[in-house]
N, C-alpha and C. Protein backbone atom coordinates (compact mmCIF):
# COMPACT_ATOMS: atom_id res chain seq x y z
N MET A 1 71.94 -26.24 -102.38
CA MET A 1 70.92 -27.27 -102.10
C MET A 1 70.23 -26.90 -101.04
N GLU A 2 70.68 -26.31 -99.81
CA GLU A 2 70.24 -25.81 -98.60
C GLU A 2 69.03 -24.67 -98.83
N LYS A 3 69.45 -24.05 -99.79
CA LYS A 3 68.73 -22.87 -100.24
C LYS A 3 67.21 -23.45 -101.25
N LYS A 4 67.40 -24.54 -101.82
CA LYS A 4 66.30 -25.22 -102.57
C LYS A 4 65.50 -25.78 -101.63
N LEU A 5 66.00 -26.46 -100.60
CA LEU A 5 65.20 -27.14 -99.65
C LEU A 5 64.18 -26.29 -98.84
N SER A 6 64.77 -25.20 -98.33
CA SER A 6 64.00 -24.14 -97.71
C SER A 6 63.05 -23.48 -98.62
N LEU A 7 63.27 -23.21 -99.84
CA LEU A 7 62.21 -22.92 -100.74
C LEU A 7 61.18 -23.65 -100.89
N GLY A 8 61.44 -25.06 -100.78
CA GLY A 8 60.36 -25.92 -101.17
C GLY A 8 59.46 -26.18 -99.84
N ILE A 9 60.05 -25.79 -98.87
CA ILE A 9 59.28 -26.09 -97.51
C ILE A 9 58.48 -24.85 -97.19
N LEU A 10 59.05 -23.72 -97.66
CA LEU A 10 58.28 -22.47 -97.38
C LEU A 10 56.84 -22.44 -97.90
N PRO A 11 56.65 -22.76 -99.36
CA PRO A 11 54.92 -22.96 -99.54
C PRO A 11 54.26 -23.73 -98.85
N LEU A 12 54.73 -24.80 -98.49
CA LEU A 12 54.16 -25.93 -97.68
C LEU A 12 53.82 -25.28 -96.35
N LEU A 13 54.72 -24.77 -95.77
CA LEU A 13 54.34 -24.07 -94.26
C LEU A 13 53.25 -22.80 -94.82
N ILE A 14 53.41 -22.20 -95.54
CA ILE A 14 52.48 -20.98 -95.75
C ILE A 14 50.97 -21.57 -96.07
N MET A 15 50.98 -22.69 -96.91
CA MET A 15 49.81 -23.31 -97.06
C MET A 15 49.13 -24.03 -95.62
N PHE A 16 49.72 -24.67 -94.94
CA PHE A 16 49.54 -25.21 -93.86
C PHE A 16 49.14 -24.19 -92.92
N LEU A 17 49.62 -23.01 -92.80
CA LEU A 17 49.06 -21.92 -91.84
C LEU A 17 47.78 -21.46 -92.38
N LEU A 18 47.69 -21.35 -93.53
CA LEU A 18 46.31 -20.54 -94.35
C LEU A 18 45.15 -21.68 -93.85
N VAL A 19 45.32 -22.94 -94.37
CA VAL A 19 44.44 -24.06 -93.86
C VAL A 19 43.95 -23.93 -92.59
N GLY A 20 44.86 -23.79 -91.55
CA GLY A 20 44.64 -24.13 -90.23
C GLY A 20 44.04 -22.80 -89.68
N THR A 21 44.12 -21.65 -90.29
CA THR A 21 43.27 -20.44 -89.75
C THR A 21 41.86 -20.24 -90.50
N ASN A 22 41.67 -21.12 -91.53
CA ASN A 22 40.31 -21.04 -92.05
C ASN A 22 39.22 -21.71 -91.35
N SER A 23 39.35 -22.24 -90.14
CA SER A 23 37.96 -22.61 -89.50
C SER A 23 37.42 -21.46 -88.84
N PRO A 24 36.23 -21.42 -88.64
CA PRO A 24 35.33 -20.41 -87.94
C PRO A 24 35.50 -20.51 -86.48
N ALA A 25 35.54 -19.26 -86.02
CA ALA A 25 35.70 -19.16 -84.41
C ALA A 25 34.33 -19.59 -83.91
N PRO A 26 34.16 -20.16 -82.64
CA PRO A 26 32.84 -20.43 -82.06
C PRO A 26 32.15 -19.18 -81.66
N GLN A 27 30.82 -19.06 -81.99
CA GLN A 27 30.09 -17.65 -81.87
C GLN A 27 29.18 -18.11 -80.42
N PRO A 28 29.47 -17.18 -79.64
CA PRO A 28 28.47 -17.14 -78.49
C PRO A 28 26.90 -17.30 -78.59
N GLN A 29 26.35 -17.92 -78.04
CA GLN A 29 24.91 -18.44 -78.26
C GLN A 29 24.29 -17.29 -77.23
N PRO A 30 23.20 -16.80 -77.81
CA PRO A 30 22.39 -15.58 -77.02
C PRO A 30 21.56 -16.36 -75.68
N PRO A 31 21.46 -15.98 -74.66
CA PRO A 31 20.92 -16.58 -73.57
C PRO A 31 19.37 -16.93 -73.86
N SER A 32 19.02 -17.85 -73.27
CA SER A 32 17.69 -18.44 -73.66
C SER A 32 16.67 -17.67 -72.84
N THR A 33 15.53 -17.50 -73.34
CA THR A 33 14.54 -16.27 -72.59
C THR A 33 13.26 -17.29 -72.55
N SER A 34 12.62 -16.98 -71.72
CA SER A 34 11.36 -17.83 -71.30
C SER A 34 10.06 -17.41 -72.36
N PRO A 35 10.01 -16.13 -72.92
CA PRO A 35 8.96 -15.77 -73.74
C PRO A 35 9.10 -16.66 -75.33
N MET A 36 10.25 -16.99 -75.64
CA MET A 36 10.54 -17.73 -76.94
C MET A 36 10.33 -19.15 -76.56
N TYR A 37 9.98 -19.81 -75.31
CA TYR A 37 9.84 -21.01 -75.24
C TYR A 37 8.38 -21.46 -75.83
N GLY A 38 8.61 -22.66 -76.53
CA GLY A 38 7.49 -23.01 -77.17
C GLY A 38 7.24 -22.65 -78.67
N THR A 39 8.07 -21.61 -78.94
CA THR A 39 8.04 -21.38 -80.36
C THR A 39 9.03 -22.02 -81.34
N THR A 40 9.75 -22.98 -80.87
CA THR A 40 10.72 -23.79 -81.84
C THR A 40 10.02 -25.06 -82.22
N PRO A 41 10.03 -25.60 -83.30
CA PRO A 41 9.16 -26.89 -83.48
C PRO A 41 9.57 -27.91 -82.63
N GLY A 42 8.28 -28.65 -82.07
CA GLY A 42 8.54 -29.65 -81.19
C GLY A 42 9.04 -29.17 -79.83
N ASN A 43 8.69 -27.90 -79.49
CA ASN A 43 9.26 -27.65 -78.13
C ASN A 43 8.05 -27.64 -77.22
N LEU A 44 6.93 -27.77 -77.44
CA LEU A 44 5.91 -27.77 -76.56
C LEU A 44 5.38 -29.17 -76.12
N HIS A 45 4.62 -29.08 -75.01
CA HIS A 45 3.99 -30.52 -74.58
C HIS A 45 2.61 -30.03 -75.07
N PRO A 46 1.84 -31.29 -75.50
CA PRO A 46 0.38 -31.19 -75.62
C PRO A 46 -0.37 -30.48 -74.87
N GLN A 47 -0.39 -30.62 -73.61
CA GLN A 47 -0.99 -30.10 -72.59
C GLN A 47 -0.79 -28.40 -72.29
N GLU A 48 0.21 -27.93 -73.17
CA GLU A 48 0.47 -26.67 -73.09
C GLU A 48 -0.24 -25.72 -74.44
N CYS A 49 -0.74 -26.63 -75.44
CA CYS A 49 -1.34 -25.87 -76.44
C CYS A 49 -2.40 -25.16 -76.05
N LEU A 50 -3.28 -25.45 -75.26
CA LEU A 50 -4.61 -24.65 -74.90
C LEU A 50 -4.43 -23.21 -74.53
N PRO A 51 -3.47 -23.08 -73.46
CA PRO A 51 -3.09 -21.73 -72.95
C PRO A 51 -2.48 -21.02 -74.07
N ARG A 52 -1.49 -21.51 -74.85
CA ARG A 52 -0.97 -20.72 -76.18
C ARG A 52 -1.72 -20.57 -77.22
N CYS A 53 -2.63 -21.23 -77.30
CA CYS A 53 -3.70 -20.85 -78.53
C CYS A 53 -4.70 -20.19 -78.09
N THR A 54 -5.01 -19.95 -76.64
CA THR A 54 -5.84 -18.94 -75.88
C THR A 54 -5.52 -17.68 -76.16
N TYR A 55 -4.10 -17.54 -75.86
CA TYR A 55 -3.45 -16.15 -76.34
C TYR A 55 -3.45 -15.90 -77.71
N ARG A 56 -3.01 -16.86 -78.43
CA ARG A 56 -2.84 -16.52 -79.91
C ARG A 56 -4.27 -16.03 -80.57
N CYS A 57 -5.35 -16.68 -80.16
CA CYS A 57 -6.60 -16.30 -80.59
C CYS A 57 -7.49 -15.29 -79.72
N SER A 58 -6.67 -14.61 -79.05
CA SER A 58 -7.31 -13.62 -78.03
C SER A 58 -7.74 -12.37 -78.83
N LYS A 59 -7.44 -12.02 -79.71
CA LYS A 59 -7.63 -10.76 -80.41
C LYS A 59 -8.49 -10.98 -81.96
N THR A 60 -8.78 -12.05 -82.18
CA THR A 60 -9.68 -12.28 -83.27
C THR A 60 -11.30 -12.24 -82.87
N GLN A 61 -12.03 -11.97 -83.87
CA GLN A 61 -13.29 -12.03 -83.70
C GLN A 61 -13.82 -13.37 -84.01
N TYR A 62 -12.99 -14.12 -84.68
CA TYR A 62 -13.57 -15.63 -85.02
C TYR A 62 -12.94 -16.75 -83.91
N LYS A 63 -13.16 -16.45 -82.70
CA LYS A 63 -12.34 -17.31 -81.64
C LYS A 63 -12.66 -18.85 -81.96
N LYS A 64 -13.84 -19.37 -82.26
CA LYS A 64 -14.06 -20.73 -82.29
C LYS A 64 -13.26 -21.27 -83.51
N PRO A 65 -13.24 -21.06 -84.65
CA PRO A 65 -12.45 -21.52 -85.68
C PRO A 65 -10.87 -21.50 -85.31
N CYS A 66 -10.55 -20.33 -84.74
CA CYS A 66 -9.27 -19.89 -84.44
C CYS A 66 -8.66 -21.00 -83.55
N MET A 67 -9.57 -21.30 -82.55
CA MET A 67 -9.17 -21.93 -81.41
C MET A 67 -8.88 -23.33 -82.07
N PHE A 68 -9.84 -23.98 -82.81
CA PHE A 68 -10.03 -25.16 -83.30
C PHE A 68 -8.79 -25.40 -84.15
N PHE A 69 -8.37 -24.53 -85.10
CA PHE A 69 -7.28 -24.93 -85.94
C PHE A 69 -5.97 -24.69 -85.30
N CYS A 70 -6.02 -23.69 -84.28
CA CYS A 70 -4.67 -23.52 -83.63
C CYS A 70 -4.47 -24.73 -82.59
N GLN A 71 -5.41 -25.39 -82.10
CA GLN A 71 -4.99 -26.48 -81.19
C GLN A 71 -4.78 -27.91 -82.20
N LYS A 72 -5.31 -27.83 -83.48
CA LYS A 72 -5.00 -28.83 -84.38
C LYS A 72 -3.43 -28.94 -84.87
N CYS A 73 -3.18 -27.71 -84.96
CA CYS A 73 -1.93 -27.17 -85.66
C CYS A 73 -0.80 -27.62 -84.53
N CYS A 74 -1.05 -27.09 -83.61
CA CYS A 74 -0.33 -27.16 -82.08
C CYS A 74 -0.06 -28.66 -81.93
N ALA A 75 -1.25 -29.50 -81.86
CA ALA A 75 -0.83 -30.86 -81.72
C ALA A 75 -0.07 -31.61 -82.74
N LYS A 76 -0.09 -31.05 -83.97
CA LYS A 76 0.61 -31.73 -84.84
C LYS A 76 2.06 -31.16 -84.95
N CYS A 77 2.27 -30.06 -84.42
CA CYS A 77 3.68 -29.28 -84.93
C CYS A 77 4.36 -29.17 -83.36
N LEU A 78 3.71 -29.19 -82.41
CA LEU A 78 4.18 -28.80 -80.93
C LEU A 78 4.89 -27.59 -80.80
N CYS A 79 4.08 -26.68 -81.39
CA CYS A 79 4.56 -25.30 -81.55
C CYS A 79 3.63 -24.29 -81.78
N VAL A 80 3.69 -23.10 -81.36
CA VAL A 80 2.37 -22.18 -81.40
C VAL A 80 3.46 -20.80 -81.47
N PRO A 81 3.43 -20.04 -82.75
CA PRO A 81 4.30 -18.75 -82.93
C PRO A 81 3.93 -17.86 -81.82
N PRO A 82 4.76 -17.05 -81.35
CA PRO A 82 4.60 -16.10 -80.42
C PRO A 82 3.67 -14.84 -80.99
N GLY A 83 2.85 -14.24 -79.92
CA GLY A 83 1.93 -13.25 -80.36
C GLY A 83 0.68 -13.59 -80.82
N THR A 84 -0.18 -12.53 -81.22
CA THR A 84 -1.45 -12.77 -81.79
C THR A 84 -1.65 -12.99 -83.13
N TYR A 85 -0.53 -12.75 -83.85
CA TYR A 85 -0.68 -12.50 -85.34
C TYR A 85 0.63 -12.51 -85.71
N GLY A 86 0.84 -13.42 -87.07
CA GLY A 86 2.08 -13.36 -87.82
C GLY A 86 3.21 -14.15 -86.89
N ASN A 87 4.37 -13.71 -86.99
CA ASN A 87 5.57 -14.58 -86.42
C ASN A 87 5.70 -16.11 -86.60
N LYS A 88 4.92 -16.54 -87.98
CA LYS A 88 5.14 -18.02 -88.17
C LYS A 88 6.46 -18.43 -88.67
N GLN A 89 7.43 -17.64 -88.92
CA GLN A 89 8.74 -18.06 -89.37
C GLN A 89 9.46 -18.83 -88.05
N PHE A 90 8.92 -18.66 -86.95
CA PHE A 90 9.54 -19.19 -85.77
C PHE A 90 8.99 -20.59 -85.78
N CYS A 91 7.92 -20.86 -86.32
CA CYS A 91 7.17 -22.27 -86.34
C CYS A 91 7.05 -22.90 -87.92
N PRO A 92 8.09 -23.53 -88.41
CA PRO A 92 7.86 -23.62 -89.91
C PRO A 92 6.92 -24.81 -90.15
N CYS A 93 6.65 -25.73 -89.30
CA CYS A 93 5.52 -26.70 -89.54
C CYS A 93 4.14 -26.08 -89.34
N TYR A 94 4.21 -25.06 -88.64
CA TYR A 94 2.88 -24.39 -88.30
C TYR A 94 2.58 -23.48 -89.53
N ASN A 95 3.71 -22.73 -90.18
CA ASN A 95 3.67 -22.06 -91.24
C ASN A 95 3.46 -22.76 -92.42
N ASN A 96 3.95 -24.03 -92.77
CA ASN A 96 3.69 -24.57 -94.10
C ASN A 96 2.85 -25.79 -94.26
N TRP A 97 2.00 -25.76 -93.45
CA TRP A 97 0.80 -26.70 -93.30
C TRP A 97 -0.31 -25.68 -94.09
N LYS A 98 -0.76 -26.43 -95.05
CA LYS A 98 -1.52 -25.59 -96.03
C LYS A 98 -3.03 -26.38 -96.01
N THR A 99 -3.95 -25.65 -96.56
CA THR A 99 -5.51 -26.13 -96.97
C THR A 99 -5.48 -26.71 -98.26
N LYS A 100 -6.37 -27.52 -98.65
CA LYS A 100 -6.44 -27.97 -100.10
C LYS A 100 -6.30 -26.83 -101.06
N ARG A 101 -6.75 -25.75 -100.74
CA ARG A 101 -6.74 -24.65 -101.78
C ARG A 101 -5.41 -23.77 -101.65
N GLY A 102 -4.48 -24.26 -100.86
CA GLY A 102 -3.09 -23.71 -100.71
C GLY A 102 -3.05 -22.56 -99.77
N GLY A 103 -4.21 -22.32 -99.02
CA GLY A 103 -4.00 -21.07 -98.04
C GLY A 103 -3.36 -21.64 -96.75
N PRO A 104 -3.08 -20.93 -95.72
CA PRO A 104 -2.75 -21.38 -94.60
C PRO A 104 -3.73 -21.98 -93.70
N LYS A 105 -3.35 -23.16 -93.09
CA LYS A 105 -4.30 -23.89 -92.15
C LYS A 105 -4.19 -23.43 -90.78
N CYS A 106 -3.11 -23.14 -90.45
CA CYS A 106 -2.85 -22.70 -88.93
C CYS A 106 -3.04 -20.93 -88.73
N PRO A 107 -3.74 -20.70 -87.67
CA PRO A 107 -3.68 -19.00 -87.69
C PRO A 107 -2.59 -18.35 -86.93
């Protein structure tokens, strides 16, 4: 009888141990760096759009339309991707806003 009881408890004990170890360990977060500030959605203040867009449009030959649409997108998304081109994955709202024809609205 004692042997049957211990054999019945053993699988329960093993199952309890397996379920208890299944939780993921907490992962350390990378330290925050200032160059990435303003590249996550909603992270900018509206007054910060002009300097971000000025840098974003600094290498294009079409500065006026670039600045117009960049500021419009920044006002809506409160985010401007880093760099002068690309990197739109950092700003989903900025990336997903499309024109009527389906092209990108934000530079």
